[in-house]
Structure formats: structure tokens, C-alpha cells
Amino acid sequence: MYELFILGQLMDHPMTGYQLRKALSSTVGPELTISFGALYPLLDKLAAAGTLTLAFKTVPPKRPQKLARITAAGRARFHTLMATPVAFNKQTQLTFQMKVNFLHLLTPDQQRATLREFHAFATQQLSQLATQRAHLAHNPHMVAADIQDALRVNQLQTVRAQAQADWVTAQLNQLTKE
């Protein structure tokens, strides 16, 4: 997931580790950002794999900064990651947010494919939440107060998932008009 984000960010222009971390925070929120202790080893790993290069950039009076620049292999890897179906796990939502962040780097057909996959995910979420709601409403193993609280959380999750599905639908409709 972070590999996709780093390569996508570098598609537009070279960036320092600090800039990459700030961009990630802007995309996924400050609570889900990557630590420098994880970011710099990942940059080194991607450089070793040949998907980016690292060079020191001197900006007086600051200390030298590592500047990452994507390679041709990195561009190819980025497009492979964007075309790879998203696995359904705890990172699915974040991965789709990252993919949406890079739609401008894709052809209209690739954009539609990415958004259709995202829509399928949102629809699946809504279906799972409806099933969960039905089980909660008639769960003999829970006390009434716990059921009510769980139904409130389910309602919040449903509103979020519905808003997401509606947003993706609007994006697909916009692409169809263009």
C-alpha cells in the first residue's frame, strides 16, 4: 500500500521523505501516516529494487535531504499496482483512497475500472452491514442496550459506506459524460 503511494507521488515530481510523509498525511489523514522510521527503510528498499533512485539534496542551512526520483521500472511498477485488484482486508479502504488519489495518472478506461472496483467494494460493504444489522436486531445473546449501541455503530458505518458508494457512482457518471 505504501509502495503504491510513494511511486504514485513520485510520478509527478521528485520528493524528499519529509514531503512524501506530508503528502500521505494529507491523503489518508494524520492518524494513519507512516513514521520516518518506516518510511526511510521503505525508500531504501524501493531504491534497491530499482523502482526509484535516492540522492542527497543540499538546502542550506538545513542538513542534506534524501530526494527520491522514480525510475522507468518504478513507473511500470506503479501501473501494475494500480491495475492489481485490491485485496479485501483491513487496508482495503486506504488502498482505494490512494488509488483515487492517482486517477489523474490513468487513462479514462483505467479510471473507470478502478472506480468500478471501488464501487463493488462499497456495495459489498453495504450488503455486509445489512446482514450484520439483521443479525444484531434478533441476537438473543446480547442485552438490549448493547444491541442498541451496536445498531447505532452499524448505522454510522452504513451512512459512511452509502456516501462512499454515492460518491463513486457520481465519479463514474462524470467520467461517462467526458
N, C-alpha and C. Protein backbone atom coordinates (compact mmCIF):
# COMPACT_ATOMS: atom_id res chain seq x y z
N MET A 1 0.82 -1.18 0.00
CA MET A 1 0.00 0.00 0.00
C MET A 1 0.88 1.26 0.00
N TYR A 2 1.88 1.31 0.87
CA TYR A 2 2.76 2.48 0.90
C TYR A 2 3.61 2.56 -0.35
N GLU A 3 3.96 1.41 -0.91
CA GLU A 3 4.72 1.40 -2.16
C GLU A 3 3.91 2.10 -3.26
N LEU A 4 2.63 1.76 -3.36
CA LEU A 4 1.76 2.40 -4.34
C LEU A 4 1.75 3.91 -4.13
N PHE A 5 1.61 4.33 -2.89
CA PHE A 5 1.53 5.76 -2.61
C PHE A 5 2.83 6.47 -2.99
N ILE A 6 3.95 5.92 -2.58
CA ILE A 6 5.25 6.55 -2.86
C ILE A 6 5.48 6.66 -4.36
N LEU A 7 5.28 5.56 -5.06
CA LEU A 7 5.50 5.59 -6.51
C LEU A 7 4.54 6.55 -7.20
N GLY A 8 3.28 6.57 -6.76
CA GLY A 8 2.31 7.49 -7.34
C GLY A 8 2.69 8.94 -7.13
N GLN A 9 3.14 9.26 -5.93
CA GLN A 9 3.56 10.63 -5.65
C GLN A 9 4.75 11.03 -6.51
N LEU A 10 5.65 10.11 -6.72
CA LEU A 10 6.86 10.41 -7.49
C LEU A 10 6.60 10.48 -9.00
N MET A 11 5.43 10.02 -9.44
CA MET A 11 5.10 10.09 -10.86
C MET A 11 5.05 11.54 -11.33
N ASP A 12 4.67 12.44 -10.46
CA ASP A 12 4.54 13.85 -10.84
C ASP A 12 5.86 14.61 -10.72
N HIS A 13 6.63 14.33 -9.66
CA HIS A 13 7.91 15.02 -9.47
C HIS A 13 8.67 14.38 -8.31
N PRO A 14 10.00 14.56 -8.28
CA PRO A 14 10.80 14.02 -7.18
C PRO A 14 10.38 14.66 -5.85
N MET A 15 10.54 13.91 -4.77
CA MET A 15 10.15 14.41 -3.46
C MET A 15 11.12 13.89 -2.40
N THR A 16 11.23 14.65 -1.32
CA THR A 16 12.01 14.19 -0.17
C THR A 16 11.12 13.29 0.68
N GLY A 17 11.73 12.56 1.60
CA GLY A 17 10.97 11.73 2.52
C GLY A 17 9.97 12.55 3.32
N TYR A 18 10.40 13.72 3.76
CA TYR A 18 9.51 14.60 4.51
C TYR A 18 8.30 15.00 3.67
N GLN A 19 8.52 15.34 2.41
CA GLN A 19 7.42 15.72 1.52
C GLN A 19 6.47 14.54 1.29
N LEU A 20 7.05 13.35 1.14
CA LEU A 20 6.21 12.16 0.95
C LEU A 20 5.33 11.92 2.17
N ARG A 21 5.90 12.05 3.34
CA ARG A 21 5.15 11.84 4.57
C ARG A 21 4.03 12.86 4.70
N LYS A 22 4.29 14.13 4.38
CA LYS A 22 3.27 15.16 4.44
C LYS A 22 2.16 14.89 3.42
N ALA A 23 2.52 14.44 2.23
CA ALA A 23 1.53 14.13 1.20
C ALA A 23 0.64 12.97 1.64
N LEU A 24 1.24 11.97 2.26
CA LEU A 24 0.46 10.83 2.74
C LEU A 24 -0.52 11.29 3.82
N SER A 25 -0.05 12.10 4.72
CA SER A 25 -0.91 12.62 5.79
C SER A 25 -2.08 13.40 5.20
N SER A 26 -1.84 14.16 4.15
CA SER A 26 -2.91 14.92 3.50
C SER A 26 -3.92 14.01 2.82
N THR A 27 -3.46 12.86 2.36
CA THR A 27 -4.33 11.95 1.63
C THR A 27 -5.15 11.05 2.55
N VAL A 28 -4.52 10.48 3.57
CA VAL A 28 -5.21 9.49 4.40
C VAL A 28 -5.49 9.98 5.82
N GLY A 29 -5.00 11.16 6.15
CA GLY A 29 -5.23 11.69 7.49
C GLY A 29 -4.01 11.50 8.37
N PRO A 30 -3.83 12.39 9.32
CA PRO A 30 -2.62 12.35 10.15
C PRO A 30 -2.54 11.12 11.05
N GLU A 31 -3.67 10.53 11.38
CA GLU A 31 -3.63 9.37 12.27
C GLU A 31 -3.19 8.09 11.57
N LEU A 32 -3.15 8.09 10.26
CA LEU A 32 -2.78 6.90 9.52
C LEU A 32 -1.48 7.05 8.75
N THR A 33 -0.72 8.05 9.04
CA THR A 33 0.50 8.29 8.30
C THR A 33 1.60 7.30 8.70
N ILE A 34 2.68 7.32 7.97
CA ILE A 34 3.80 6.41 8.19
C ILE A 34 4.88 7.14 8.99
N SER A 35 5.54 6.43 9.86
CA SER A 35 6.63 7.04 10.64
C SER A 35 7.87 7.16 9.76
N PHE A 36 8.74 8.09 10.12
CA PHE A 36 10.00 8.21 9.39
C PHE A 36 10.82 6.94 9.54
N GLY A 37 10.68 6.27 10.68
CA GLY A 37 11.40 5.03 10.93
C GLY A 37 10.97 3.90 10.02
N ALA A 38 9.78 3.99 9.46
CA ALA A 38 9.31 3.01 8.48
C ALA A 38 9.48 3.52 7.05
N LEU A 39 9.35 4.83 6.87
CA LEU A 39 9.41 5.41 5.53
C LEU A 39 10.80 5.29 4.91
N TYR A 40 11.83 5.69 5.64
CA TYR A 40 13.17 5.70 5.04
C TYR A 40 13.68 4.29 4.69
N PRO A 41 13.45 3.29 5.54
CA PRO A 41 13.83 1.93 5.11
C PRO A 41 13.04 1.46 3.87
N LEU A 42 11.78 1.89 3.77
CA LEU A 42 11.00 1.53 2.59
C LEU A 42 11.57 2.21 1.34
N LEU A 43 11.95 3.47 1.47
CA LEU A 43 12.58 4.16 0.34
C LEU A 43 13.87 3.45 -0.07
N ASP A 44 14.67 3.04 0.91
CA ASP A 44 15.90 2.30 0.61
C ASP A 44 15.59 0.98 -0.10
N LYS A 45 14.53 0.29 0.37
CA LYS A 45 14.13 -0.98 -0.25
C LYS A 45 13.68 -0.76 -1.70
N LEU A 46 12.91 0.29 -1.93
CA LEU A 46 12.45 0.58 -3.29
C LEU A 46 13.62 0.99 -4.19
N ALA A 47 14.58 1.69 -3.62
CA ALA A 47 15.78 2.05 -4.39
C ALA A 47 16.57 0.79 -4.75
N ALA A 48 16.69 -0.13 -3.79
CA ALA A 48 17.41 -1.39 -4.05
C ALA A 48 16.70 -2.22 -5.13
N ALA A 49 15.38 -2.10 -5.19
CA ALA A 49 14.59 -2.82 -6.20
C ALA A 49 14.64 -2.13 -7.56
N GLY A 50 15.19 -0.92 -7.61
CA GLY A 50 15.33 -0.21 -8.87
C GLY A 50 14.10 0.59 -9.28
N THR A 51 13.13 0.75 -8.38
CA THR A 51 11.92 1.49 -8.75
C THR A 51 12.06 2.99 -8.50
N LEU A 52 13.08 3.36 -7.73
CA LEU A 52 13.37 4.77 -7.53
C LEU A 52 14.85 4.94 -7.24
N THR A 53 15.30 6.16 -7.37
CA THR A 53 16.68 6.48 -7.01
C THR A 53 16.64 7.46 -5.85
N LEU A 54 17.67 7.42 -5.04
CA LEU A 54 17.80 8.34 -3.91
C LEU A 54 19.09 9.11 -4.06
N ALA A 55 19.01 10.40 -3.89
CA ALA A 55 20.19 11.25 -3.94
C ALA A 55 20.05 12.30 -2.86
N PHE A 56 21.15 12.78 -2.38
CA PHE A 56 21.09 13.82 -1.36
C PHE A 56 20.96 15.18 -2.02
N LYS A 57 20.07 15.97 -1.46
CA LYS A 57 19.80 17.33 -1.92
C LYS A 57 20.23 18.26 -0.78
N THR A 58 21.09 19.20 -1.09
CA THR A 58 21.56 20.13 -0.08
C THR A 58 20.78 21.43 -0.17
N VAL A 59 20.19 21.81 0.95
CA VAL A 59 19.41 23.05 1.03
C VAL A 59 19.90 23.81 2.26
N PRO A 60 20.95 24.66 2.06
CA PRO A 60 21.47 25.40 3.22
C PRO A 60 20.38 26.29 3.84
N PRO A 61 20.29 26.48 5.09
CA PRO A 61 21.19 25.99 6.14
C PRO A 61 20.76 24.65 6.71
N LYS A 62 19.83 23.98 6.07
CA LYS A 62 19.37 22.68 6.57
C LYS A 62 20.39 21.59 6.27
N ARG A 63 20.20 20.46 6.94
CA ARG A 63 21.06 19.32 6.64
C ARG A 63 20.61 18.70 5.32
N PRO A 64 21.46 17.93 4.66
CA PRO A 64 21.09 17.32 3.37
C PRO A 64 19.84 16.44 3.51
N GLN A 65 19.03 16.45 2.47
CA GLN A 65 17.79 15.67 2.46
C GLN A 65 17.87 14.62 1.35
N LYS A 66 17.26 13.45 1.62
CA LYS A 66 17.18 12.42 0.59
C LYS A 66 16.06 12.78 -0.38
N LEU A 67 16.41 12.84 -1.65
CA LEU A 67 15.44 13.14 -2.69
C LEU A 67 15.18 11.87 -3.48
N ALA A 68 13.92 11.47 -3.55
CA ALA A 68 13.53 10.26 -4.28
C ALA A 68 13.02 10.65 -5.65
N ARG A 69 13.44 9.88 -6.66
CA ARG A 69 13.03 10.12 -8.04
C ARG A 69 12.65 8.76 -8.63
N ILE A 70 11.49 8.70 -9.28
CA ILE A 70 11.01 7.43 -9.84
C ILE A 70 11.82 7.07 -11.09
N THR A 71 11.99 5.77 -11.31
CA THR A 71 12.69 5.27 -12.49
C THR A 71 11.65 4.71 -13.48
N ALA A 72 12.10 4.32 -14.64
CA ALA A 72 11.20 3.69 -15.61
C ALA A 72 10.60 2.41 -15.03
N ALA A 73 11.41 1.65 -14.31
CA ALA A 73 10.90 0.44 -13.65
C ALA A 73 9.86 0.80 -12.60
N GLY A 74 10.06 1.91 -11.92
CA GLY A 74 9.10 2.38 -10.93
C GLY A 74 7.78 2.79 -11.56
N ARG A 75 7.86 3.42 -12.72
CA ARG A 75 6.63 3.80 -13.43
C ARG A 75 5.85 2.55 -13.84
N ALA A 76 6.57 1.56 -14.33
CA ALA A 76 5.91 0.31 -14.72
C ALA A 76 5.30 -0.37 -13.49
N ARG A 77 6.03 -0.37 -12.39
CA ARG A 77 5.54 -0.98 -11.14
C ARG A 77 4.29 -0.24 -10.65
N PHE A 78 4.30 1.09 -10.73
CA PHE A 78 3.14 1.87 -10.32
C PHE A 78 1.91 1.44 -11.11
N HIS A 79 2.04 1.34 -12.42
CA HIS A 79 0.88 0.97 -13.25
C HIS A 79 0.43 -0.46 -12.96
N THR A 80 1.36 -1.34 -12.65
CA THR A 80 1.00 -2.70 -12.27
C THR A 80 0.20 -2.69 -10.96
N LEU A 81 0.67 -1.92 -9.98
CA LEU A 81 -0.03 -1.84 -8.69
C LEU A 81 -1.42 -1.22 -8.86
N MET A 82 -1.54 -0.23 -9.71
CA MET A 82 -2.85 0.40 -9.93
C MET A 82 -3.82 -0.58 -10.60
N ALA A 83 -3.31 -1.45 -11.46
CA ALA A 83 -4.16 -2.41 -12.17
C ALA A 83 -4.46 -3.65 -11.34
N THR A 84 -3.70 -3.88 -10.29
CA THR A 84 -3.89 -5.07 -9.46
C THR A 84 -5.17 -4.92 -8.63
N PRO A 85 -6.04 -5.94 -8.66
CA PRO A 85 -7.24 -5.85 -7.82
C PRO A 85 -6.87 -5.69 -6.34
N VAL A 86 -7.69 -4.92 -5.64
CA VAL A 86 -7.43 -4.65 -4.23
C VAL A 86 -7.93 -5.83 -3.40
N ALA A 87 -7.06 -6.34 -2.55
CA ALA A 87 -7.44 -7.43 -1.66
C ALA A 87 -8.37 -6.89 -0.58
N PHE A 88 -9.34 -7.68 -0.19
CA PHE A 88 -10.26 -7.28 0.87
C PHE A 88 -9.65 -7.63 2.22
N ASN A 89 -9.14 -6.61 2.89
CA ASN A 89 -8.54 -6.77 4.21
C ASN A 89 -8.64 -5.44 4.95
N LYS A 90 -7.94 -5.29 6.03
CA LYS A 90 -8.07 -4.06 6.82
C LYS A 90 -7.49 -2.84 6.11
N GLN A 91 -6.73 -3.03 5.04
CA GLN A 91 -6.13 -1.93 4.29
C GLN A 91 -6.91 -1.56 3.02
N THR A 92 -8.02 -2.25 2.77
CA THR A 92 -8.77 -2.05 1.53
C THR A 92 -9.19 -0.60 1.34
N GLN A 93 -9.80 -0.03 2.36
CA GLN A 93 -10.29 1.35 2.28
C GLN A 93 -9.14 2.31 1.95
N LEU A 94 -8.02 2.17 2.65
CA LEU A 94 -6.87 3.05 2.41
C LEU A 94 -6.30 2.87 1.02
N THR A 95 -6.25 1.64 0.57
CA THR A 95 -5.72 1.38 -0.76
C THR A 95 -6.58 2.05 -1.82
N PHE A 96 -7.90 1.97 -1.66
CA PHE A 96 -8.77 2.66 -2.62
C PHE A 96 -8.59 4.18 -2.54
N GLN A 97 -8.43 4.73 -1.35
CA GLN A 97 -8.18 6.17 -1.23
C GLN A 97 -6.92 6.55 -2.00
N MET A 98 -5.89 5.73 -1.89
CA MET A 98 -4.65 6.01 -2.60
C MET A 98 -4.85 5.91 -4.11
N LYS A 99 -5.57 4.88 -4.54
CA LYS A 99 -5.81 4.73 -5.97
C LYS A 99 -6.60 5.92 -6.52
N VAL A 100 -7.59 6.38 -5.79
CA VAL A 100 -8.37 7.53 -6.22
C VAL A 100 -7.48 8.76 -6.30
N ASN A 101 -6.53 8.87 -5.41
CA ASN A 101 -5.60 10.00 -5.40
C ASN A 101 -4.77 10.07 -6.68
N PHE A 102 -4.62 8.94 -7.36
CA PHE A 102 -3.78 8.89 -8.56
C PHE A 102 -4.57 8.65 -9.85
N LEU A 103 -5.87 8.86 -9.82
CA LEU A 103 -6.66 8.66 -11.04
C LEU A 103 -6.17 9.51 -12.20
N HIS A 104 -5.64 10.68 -11.90
CA HIS A 104 -5.18 11.58 -12.97
C HIS A 104 -4.01 10.99 -13.76
N LEU A 105 -3.39 9.95 -13.24
CA LEU A 105 -2.26 9.31 -13.92
C LEU A 105 -2.70 8.15 -14.82
N LEU A 106 -4.01 7.90 -14.87
CA LEU A 106 -4.55 6.77 -15.61
C LEU A 106 -5.35 7.23 -16.82
N THR A 107 -5.51 6.34 -17.76
CA THR A 107 -6.38 6.61 -18.91
C THR A 107 -7.84 6.59 -18.41
N PRO A 108 -8.77 7.17 -19.16
CA PRO A 108 -10.17 7.11 -18.75
C PRO A 108 -10.68 5.69 -18.53
N ASP A 109 -10.28 4.75 -19.37
CA ASP A 109 -10.70 3.35 -19.18
C ASP A 109 -10.15 2.78 -17.88
N GLN A 110 -8.89 3.08 -17.58
CA GLN A 110 -8.29 2.62 -16.33
C GLN A 110 -8.97 3.28 -15.12
N GLN A 111 -9.32 4.54 -15.26
CA GLN A 111 -10.03 5.24 -14.19
C GLN A 111 -11.37 4.56 -13.91
N ARG A 112 -12.11 4.27 -14.99
CA ARG A 112 -13.41 3.61 -14.84
C ARG A 112 -13.25 2.24 -14.17
N ALA A 113 -12.26 1.48 -14.58
CA ALA A 113 -12.04 0.16 -13.99
C ALA A 113 -11.75 0.27 -12.49
N THR A 114 -10.91 1.22 -12.12
CA THR A 114 -10.58 1.43 -10.71
C THR A 114 -11.82 1.83 -9.93
N LEU A 115 -12.61 2.74 -10.47
CA LEU A 115 -13.81 3.19 -9.78
C LEU A 115 -14.87 2.10 -9.72
N ARG A 116 -14.98 1.28 -10.74
CA ARG A 116 -15.93 0.15 -10.70
C ARG A 116 -15.55 -0.84 -9.59
N GLU A 117 -14.26 -1.08 -9.47
CA GLU A 117 -13.81 -1.98 -8.40
C GLU A 117 -14.10 -1.38 -7.03
N PHE A 118 -13.88 -0.09 -6.89
CA PHE A 118 -14.18 0.61 -5.64
C PHE A 118 -15.68 0.55 -5.35
N HIS A 119 -16.49 0.72 -6.39
CA HIS A 119 -17.94 0.65 -6.22
C HIS A 119 -18.38 -0.75 -5.77
N ALA A 120 -17.78 -1.77 -6.34
CA ALA A 120 -18.10 -3.14 -5.92
C ALA A 120 -17.76 -3.34 -4.44
N PHE A 121 -16.65 -2.79 -4.02
CA PHE A 121 -16.27 -2.86 -2.60
C PHE A 121 -17.29 -2.15 -1.73
N ALA A 122 -17.69 -0.94 -2.12
CA ALA A 122 -18.66 -0.18 -1.33
C ALA A 122 -20.00 -0.91 -1.26
N THR A 123 -20.40 -1.50 -2.37
CA THR A 123 -21.66 -2.25 -2.41
C THR A 123 -21.58 -3.47 -1.51
N GLN A 124 -20.43 -4.14 -1.54
CA GLN A 124 -20.24 -5.30 -0.67
C GLN A 124 -20.29 -4.88 0.80
N GLN A 125 -19.69 -3.73 1.12
CA GLN A 125 -19.74 -3.22 2.50
C GLN A 125 -21.19 -3.00 2.92
N LEU A 126 -21.98 -2.39 2.06
CA LEU A 126 -23.39 -2.13 2.39
C LEU A 126 -24.15 -3.42 2.61
N SER A 127 -23.88 -4.41 1.81
CA SER A 127 -24.53 -5.71 1.96
C SER A 127 -24.14 -6.37 3.28
N GLN A 128 -22.85 -6.34 3.60
CA GLN A 128 -22.39 -6.92 4.86
C GLN A 128 -22.99 -6.20 6.07
N LEU A 129 -23.09 -4.89 5.98
CA LEU A 129 -23.67 -4.12 7.08
C LEU A 129 -25.16 -4.43 7.24
N ALA A 130 -25.87 -4.64 6.16
CA ALA A 130 -27.28 -5.00 6.23
C ALA A 130 -27.45 -6.38 6.89
N THR A 131 -26.59 -7.31 6.52
CA THR A 131 -26.63 -8.64 7.14
C THR A 131 -26.32 -8.55 8.63
N GLN A 132 -25.30 -7.77 8.96
CA GLN A 132 -24.93 -7.57 10.36
C GLN A 132 -26.09 -6.95 11.15
N ARG A 133 -26.74 -5.97 10.55
CA ARG A 133 -27.87 -5.29 11.20
C ARG A 133 -29.00 -6.28 11.49
N ALA A 134 -29.29 -7.15 10.53
CA ALA A 134 -30.35 -8.15 10.71
C ALA A 134 -29.99 -9.12 11.84
N HIS A 135 -28.72 -9.53 11.92
CA HIS A 135 -28.29 -10.44 12.99
C HIS A 135 -28.34 -9.75 14.35
N LEU A 136 -27.95 -8.49 14.37
CA LEU A 136 -27.96 -7.75 15.64
C LEU A 136 -29.37 -7.58 16.18
N ALA A 137 -30.29 -7.26 15.31
CA ALA A 137 -31.66 -6.97 15.74
C ALA A 137 -32.32 -8.15 16.43
N HIS A 138 -31.88 -9.35 16.13
CA HIS A 138 -32.50 -10.56 16.70
C HIS A 138 -31.48 -11.45 17.40
N ASN A 139 -30.51 -10.84 18.06
CA ASN A 139 -29.46 -11.62 18.72
C ASN A 139 -29.86 -11.89 20.17
N PRO A 140 -30.18 -13.15 20.49
CA PRO A 140 -30.61 -13.48 21.85
C PRO A 140 -29.45 -13.50 22.87
N HIS A 141 -28.24 -13.40 22.39
CA HIS A 141 -27.07 -13.47 23.28
C HIS A 141 -26.57 -12.10 23.73
N MET A 142 -27.26 -11.05 23.29
CA MET A 142 -26.86 -9.68 23.67
C MET A 142 -27.98 -9.03 24.47
N VAL A 143 -27.60 -8.16 25.39
CA VAL A 143 -28.61 -7.40 26.13
C VAL A 143 -29.11 -6.27 25.24
N ALA A 144 -30.29 -5.79 25.52
CA ALA A 144 -30.95 -4.79 24.68
C ALA A 144 -30.10 -3.53 24.50
N ALA A 145 -29.46 -3.06 25.57
CA ALA A 145 -28.65 -1.83 25.47
C ALA A 145 -27.46 -2.03 24.54
N ASP A 146 -26.84 -3.20 24.61
CA ASP A 146 -25.71 -3.49 23.71
C ASP A 146 -26.17 -3.58 22.26
N ILE A 147 -27.34 -4.14 22.06
CA ILE A 147 -27.89 -4.23 20.70
C ILE A 147 -28.12 -2.83 20.14
N GLN A 148 -28.70 -1.95 20.96
CA GLN A 148 -28.96 -0.59 20.50
C GLN A 148 -27.67 0.15 20.15
N ASP A 149 -26.65 -0.01 21.00
CA ASP A 149 -25.36 0.63 20.71
C ASP A 149 -24.75 0.07 19.43
N ALA A 150 -24.80 -1.25 19.27
CA ALA A 150 -24.25 -1.87 18.07
C ALA A 150 -25.01 -1.42 16.82
N LEU A 151 -26.33 -1.26 16.95
CA LEU A 151 -27.12 -0.79 15.81
C LEU A 151 -26.79 0.66 15.46
N ARG A 152 -26.46 1.48 16.47
CA ARG A 152 -26.04 2.86 16.20
C ARG A 152 -24.72 2.88 15.41
N VAL A 153 -23.79 2.06 15.84
CA VAL A 153 -22.50 1.98 15.14
C VAL A 153 -22.73 1.48 13.71
N ASN A 154 -23.58 0.48 13.56
CA ASN A 154 -23.89 -0.05 12.24
C ASN A 154 -24.51 1.03 11.37
N GLN A 155 -25.37 1.84 11.96
CA GLN A 155 -26.00 2.93 11.20
C GLN A 155 -24.94 3.93 10.72
N LEU A 156 -24.01 4.28 11.59
CA LEU A 156 -22.92 5.19 11.22
C LEU A 156 -22.09 4.59 10.08
N GLN A 157 -21.74 3.32 10.21
CA GLN A 157 -20.95 2.66 9.17
C GLN A 157 -21.73 2.60 7.85
N THR A 158 -23.03 2.40 7.94
CA THR A 158 -23.86 2.33 6.74
C THR A 158 -23.92 3.69 6.05
N VAL A 159 -24.07 4.75 6.83
CA VAL A 159 -24.10 6.09 6.25
C VAL A 159 -22.78 6.38 5.53
N ARG A 160 -21.68 6.03 6.17
CA ARG A 160 -20.36 6.24 5.54
C ARG A 160 -20.23 5.44 4.25
N ALA A 161 -20.60 4.15 4.32
CA ALA A 161 -20.48 3.29 3.14
C ALA A 161 -21.40 3.77 2.02
N GLN A 162 -22.60 4.23 2.36
CA GLN A 162 -23.53 4.72 1.34
C GLN A 162 -23.00 5.99 0.70
N ALA A 163 -22.45 6.89 1.52
CA ALA A 163 -21.87 8.12 0.98
C ALA A 163 -20.72 7.80 0.04
N GLN A 164 -19.93 6.81 0.40
CA GLN A 164 -18.81 6.39 -0.44
C GLN A 164 -19.33 5.82 -1.76
N ALA A 165 -20.33 4.95 -1.68
CA ALA A 165 -20.89 4.36 -2.90
C ALA A 165 -21.50 5.44 -3.79
N ASP A 166 -22.19 6.40 -3.18
CA ASP A 166 -22.77 7.50 -3.96
C ASP A 166 -21.68 8.35 -4.62
N TRP A 167 -20.60 8.60 -3.90
CA TRP A 167 -19.50 9.40 -4.44
C TRP A 167 -18.88 8.68 -5.64
N VAL A 168 -18.63 7.38 -5.49
CA VAL A 168 -18.02 6.62 -6.59
C VAL A 168 -18.95 6.62 -7.80
N THR A 169 -20.24 6.45 -7.56
CA THR A 169 -21.22 6.48 -8.66
C THR A 169 -21.17 7.81 -9.38
N ALA A 170 -21.10 8.90 -8.62
CA ALA A 170 -21.02 10.23 -9.23
C ALA A 170 -19.75 10.38 -10.05
N GLN A 171 -18.64 9.85 -9.56
CA GLN A 171 -17.38 9.93 -10.31
C GLN A 171 -17.48 9.13 -11.61
N LEU A 172 -18.07 7.96 -11.54
CA LEU A 172 -18.25 7.14 -12.75
C LEU A 172 -19.16 7.86 -13.75
N ASN A 173 -20.22 8.46 -13.27
CA ASN A 173 -21.12 9.22 -14.15
C ASN A 173 -20.40 10.39 -14.80
N GLN A 174 -19.56 11.06 -14.04
CA GLN A 174 -18.79 12.19 -14.58
C GLN A 174 -17.84 11.73 -15.69
N LEU A 175 -17.18 10.60 -15.46
CA LEU A 175 -16.27 10.05 -16.48
C LEU A 175 -17.03 9.67 -17.74
N THR A 176 -18.25 9.17 -17.58
CA THR A 176 -19.05 8.78 -18.73
C THR A 176 -19.43 10.00 -19.57
N LYS A 177 -19.67 11.13 -18.91
CA LYS A 177 -20.04 12.36 -19.61
C LYS A 177 -18.86 12.96 -20.37
N GLU A 178 -17.66 12.73 -19.90
CA GLU A 178 -16.47 13.36 -20.51
C GLU A 178 -16.05 12.68 -21.79
